[in-house]
Amino acid sequence: MTNTLIGYARCSTDKQDLTAQKKSLLDLGVAEDRIYTDHGLTGTNRARPGLDQAIAAVRDGDTFVVPKLDRLARSVPDARTIADQLEAKGVKLALGSSVYDPGDPMGKMFFNILATFAEFESDLIRMRTREGMAIARAKGKLRGKQPKLSNKQQKELCRMHGTGEYSISDLAEVFSVSRPTVYRTLKRHQT
């Protein structure tokens, strides 16, 4: 039986930084070479290689450490699955400085309550995002992805294609866009 601290940190987008989470794990006593990370993966995505590696690294008697529960799981079923994996290995779970034993009834209850709040928080964020996008769309401020070519370029691309002298590859090269962009542009102007 060992007593090693294994840490896990995750951020949802490539634009976010793991520095604060890593510092928190170091402050909690996790060795730097025992910190596993996932970058650019949401908590609802269960295919997280860093998490899988961290769970594979823990042994009986170890403690699995995450800075906050929402970095580990964003739904109760996912949190329960992870807790079951840790329990089967004889591993405790530390959320920040609070340690829970997934095998202990009291630890299991607290963990489930925290997981419920994490899922609730995630649902609220999703709902607020949808509401904000609906308001922006209604005000005309959310228009979706804009075409890569200006209207003038699109008309010229269609004119050049209409002559029959240019292939799709030629047009893609001339306008510095991908072939699918050329096809989308032609389809948009078929009327």
Protein backbone atom coordinates (compact mmCIF):
# COMPACT_ATOMS: atom_id res chain seq x y z
CA MET A 1 0.00 0.00 0.00
CA THR A 2 1.42 3.40 -1.03
CA ASN A 3 0.48 6.90 0.03
CA THR A 4 1.24 8.90 -3.11
CA LEU A 5 -0.66 12.00 -4.22
CA ILE A 6 -1.67 11.89 -7.90
CA GLY A 7 -3.01 15.17 -9.33
CA TYR A 8 -5.31 15.95 -12.23
CA ALA A 9 -6.03 19.31 -13.90
CA ARG A 10 -8.24 20.12 -16.88
CA CYS A 11 -9.30 23.16 -18.85
CA SER A 12 -12.07 23.24 -21.42
CA THR A 13 -10.55 25.33 -24.18
CA ASP A 14 -7.13 25.81 -25.73
CA LYS A 15 -7.29 29.49 -24.72
CA GLN A 16 -7.47 28.65 -21.01
CA ASP A 17 -4.38 28.09 -18.89
CA LEU A 18 -3.63 25.28 -16.45
CA THR A 19 -1.11 27.31 -14.41
CA ALA A 20 -3.44 28.15 -11.50
CA GLN A 21 -4.67 24.55 -11.22
CA LYS A 22 -1.13 23.16 -11.33
CA LYS A 23 -0.03 25.65 -8.66
CA SER A 24 -2.99 24.62 -6.50
CA LEU A 25 -2.02 20.94 -6.87
CA LEU A 26 1.63 21.71 -6.01
CA ASP A 27 0.45 23.68 -2.95
CA LEU A 28 -1.60 20.62 -1.91
CA GLY A 29 1.59 18.54 -1.96
CA VAL A 30 1.35 16.82 -5.34
CA ALA A 31 4.78 16.33 -6.97
CA GLU A 32 5.07 18.03 -10.36
CA ASP A 33 5.81 14.74 -12.15
CA ARG A 34 2.60 13.28 -10.66
CA ILE A 35 0.27 15.87 -12.22
CA TYR A 36 -1.72 14.70 -15.25
CA THR A 37 -3.56 17.17 -17.47
CA ASP A 38 -6.11 17.50 -20.23
CA HIS A 39 -6.13 20.71 -22.26
CA GLY A 40 -9.02 21.75 -24.50
CA LEU A 41 -11.39 18.99 -23.36
CA THR A 42 -14.72 19.68 -21.68
CA GLY A 43 -15.77 17.91 -18.50
CA THR A 44 -18.63 16.27 -20.37
CA ASN A 45 -16.16 14.64 -22.76
CA ARG A 46 -15.36 11.31 -21.13
CA ALA A 47 -12.50 10.57 -23.57
CA ARG A 48 -9.82 12.39 -21.56
CA PRO A 49 -6.36 10.81 -21.96
CA GLY A 50 -4.84 12.71 -19.02
CA LEU A 51 -7.60 11.52 -16.69
CA ASP A 52 -7.20 7.94 -17.91
CA GLN A 53 -3.43 8.14 -17.27
CA ALA A 54 -3.96 9.59 -13.79
CA ILE A 55 -6.44 6.85 -12.84
CA ALA A 56 -4.06 4.23 -14.22
CA ALA A 57 -1.23 5.71 -12.08
CA VAL A 58 -3.02 5.49 -8.72
CA ARG A 59 -2.47 2.49 -6.45
CA ASP A 60 -4.10 1.17 -3.28
CA GLY A 61 -3.64 3.75 -0.51
CA ASP A 62 -2.95 6.69 -2.87
CA THR A 63 -4.97 9.90 -2.97
CA PHE A 64 -6.31 11.27 -6.25
CA VAL A 65 -6.22 15.10 -6.03
CA VAL A 66 -8.16 17.64 -8.11
CA PRO A 67 -8.31 21.38 -7.36
CA LYS A 68 -12.13 21.46 -7.74
CA LEU A 69 -14.77 18.86 -8.58
CA ASP A 70 -15.84 20.63 -11.79
CA ARG A 71 -12.34 19.97 -13.18
CA LEU A 72 -12.98 16.23 -12.76
CA ALA A 73 -16.60 15.78 -13.85
CA ARG A 74 -19.59 17.90 -14.89
CA SER A 75 -22.30 15.29 -14.40
CA VAL A 76 -23.32 13.06 -11.53
CA PRO A 77 -23.09 9.81 -13.57
CA ASP A 78 -19.56 10.68 -14.75
CA ALA A 79 -18.47 11.63 -11.22
CA ARG A 80 -19.97 8.40 -9.89
CA THR A 81 -18.13 6.32 -12.53
CA ILE A 82 -14.81 7.95 -11.62
CA ALA A 83 -15.48 7.52 -7.88
CA ASP A 84 -16.30 3.83 -8.48
CA GLN A 85 -12.98 3.38 -10.34
CA LEU A 86 -11.10 5.01 -7.46
CA GLU A 87 -12.99 2.97 -4.85
CA ALA A 88 -12.18 -0.28 -6.70
CA LYS A 89 -8.47 0.64 -6.52
CA GLY A 90 -8.61 1.59 -2.83
CA VAL A 91 -7.90 5.24 -3.57
CA LYS A 92 -9.16 8.31 -1.69
CA LEU A 93 -10.31 11.44 -3.52
CA ALA A 94 -9.17 14.92 -2.49
CA LEU A 95 -11.14 17.91 -3.76
CA GLY A 96 -8.85 20.75 -2.87
CA SER A 97 -7.80 20.11 0.72
CA SER A 98 -10.88 17.99 1.59
CA VAL A 99 -10.33 14.24 1.34
CA TYR A 100 -13.20 11.82 0.68
CA ASP A 101 -13.17 8.06 0.80
CA PRO A 102 -15.46 6.84 -2.03
CA GLY A 103 -15.84 3.54 -0.15
CA ASP A 104 -17.10 5.20 3.04
CA PRO A 105 -20.89 5.87 3.15
CA MET A 106 -20.37 9.42 4.47
CA GLY A 107 -17.65 10.16 1.90
CA LYS A 108 -19.85 8.75 -0.87
CA MET A 109 -22.78 10.94 0.22
CA PHE A 110 -20.69 14.14 0.33
CA PHE A 111 -19.13 13.32 -3.02
CA ASN A 112 -22.57 12.73 -4.60
CA ILE A 113 -23.88 16.02 -3.20
CA LEU A 114 -20.86 17.90 -4.57
CA ALA A 115 -21.26 16.17 -7.95
CA THR A 116 -24.93 17.20 -8.03
CA PHE A 117 -23.93 20.83 -7.45
CA ALA A 118 -21.23 20.64 -10.15
CA GLU A 119 -23.78 19.29 -12.65
CA PHE A 120 -26.28 21.98 -11.59
CA GLU A 121 -23.63 24.68 -12.12
CA SER A 122 -22.80 23.28 -15.56
CA ASP A 123 -26.49 23.24 -16.52
CA LEU A 124 -26.88 26.85 -15.38
CA ILE A 125 -23.88 27.95 -17.45
CA ARG A 126 -25.30 26.18 -20.52
CA MET A 127 -28.73 27.76 -19.98
CA ARG A 128 -27.25 31.26 -19.56
CA THR A 129 -25.12 30.81 -22.67
CA ARG A 130 -28.15 29.76 -24.74
CA GLU A 131 -30.17 32.71 -23.40
CA GLY A 132 -27.33 35.13 -24.16
CA MET A 133 -26.94 33.76 -27.68
CA ALA A 134 -30.70 34.03 -28.31
CA ILE A 135 -30.68 37.67 -27.18
CA ALA A 136 -27.62 38.46 -29.34
CA ARG A 137 -29.22 36.69 -32.32
CA ALA A 138 -32.46 38.69 -31.83
CA LYS A 139 -30.43 41.93 -31.80
CA GLY A 140 -28.59 40.88 -34.96
CA LYS A 141 -25.24 40.66 -33.18
CA LEU A 142 -24.78 36.91 -33.60
CA ARG A 143 -24.67 36.06 -37.27
CA GLY A 144 -22.71 32.83 -37.31
CA LYS A 145 -19.60 32.11 -39.29
CA GLN A 146 -18.96 34.66 -42.02
CA PRO A 147 -17.89 33.68 -45.57
CA LYS A 148 -14.13 33.68 -46.20
CA LEU A 149 -14.55 35.68 -49.40
CA SER A 150 -16.08 39.13 -49.81
CA ASN A 151 -19.18 39.51 -52.00
CA LYS A 152 -17.01 40.90 -54.79
CA GLN A 153 -14.61 37.92 -54.56
CA GLN A 154 -17.52 35.47 -54.53
CA LYS A 155 -18.99 37.02 -57.69
CA GLU A 156 -15.59 36.92 -59.42
CA LEU A 157 -15.07 33.28 -58.39
CA CYS A 158 -18.48 32.36 -59.84
CA ARG A 159 -17.78 34.32 -63.04
CA MET A 160 -14.41 32.58 -63.46
CA HIS A 161 -15.97 29.16 -62.82
CA GLY A 162 -18.70 29.96 -65.37
CA THR A 163 -16.13 30.46 -68.13
CA GLY A 164 -15.13 26.78 -67.82
CA GLU A 165 -11.45 27.70 -67.94
CA TYR A 166 -10.76 27.15 -64.24
CA SER A 167 -11.00 23.95 -62.22
CA ILE A 168 -12.09 23.93 -58.59
CA SER A 169 -8.44 23.45 -57.59
CA ASP A 170 -7.41 26.42 -59.73
CA LEU A 171 -10.04 28.63 -58.09
CA ALA A 172 -9.02 27.47 -54.62
CA GLU A 173 -5.42 28.40 -55.38
CA VAL A 174 -6.26 31.76 -56.97
CA PHE A 175 -8.44 32.84 -54.02
CA SER A 176 -6.27 31.16 -51.33
CA VAL A 177 -9.14 29.11 -49.95
CA SER A 178 -9.90 25.42 -49.63
CA ARG A 179 -11.78 23.40 -52.24
CA PRO A 180 -14.80 23.02 -49.90
CA THR A 181 -14.96 26.83 -49.63
CA VAL A 182 -15.09 27.07 -53.43
CA TYR A 183 -17.90 24.47 -53.55
CA ARG A 184 -19.85 26.31 -50.81
CA THR A 185 -19.45 29.61 -52.63
CA LEU A 186 -20.68 28.14 -55.93
CA LYS A 187 -23.61 26.46 -54.21
CA ARG A 188 -24.57 29.70 -52.46
CA HIS A 189 -24.66 31.54 -55.82
CA GLN A 190 -26.50 28.91 -57.90
CA THR A 191 -29.77 30.86 -57.86
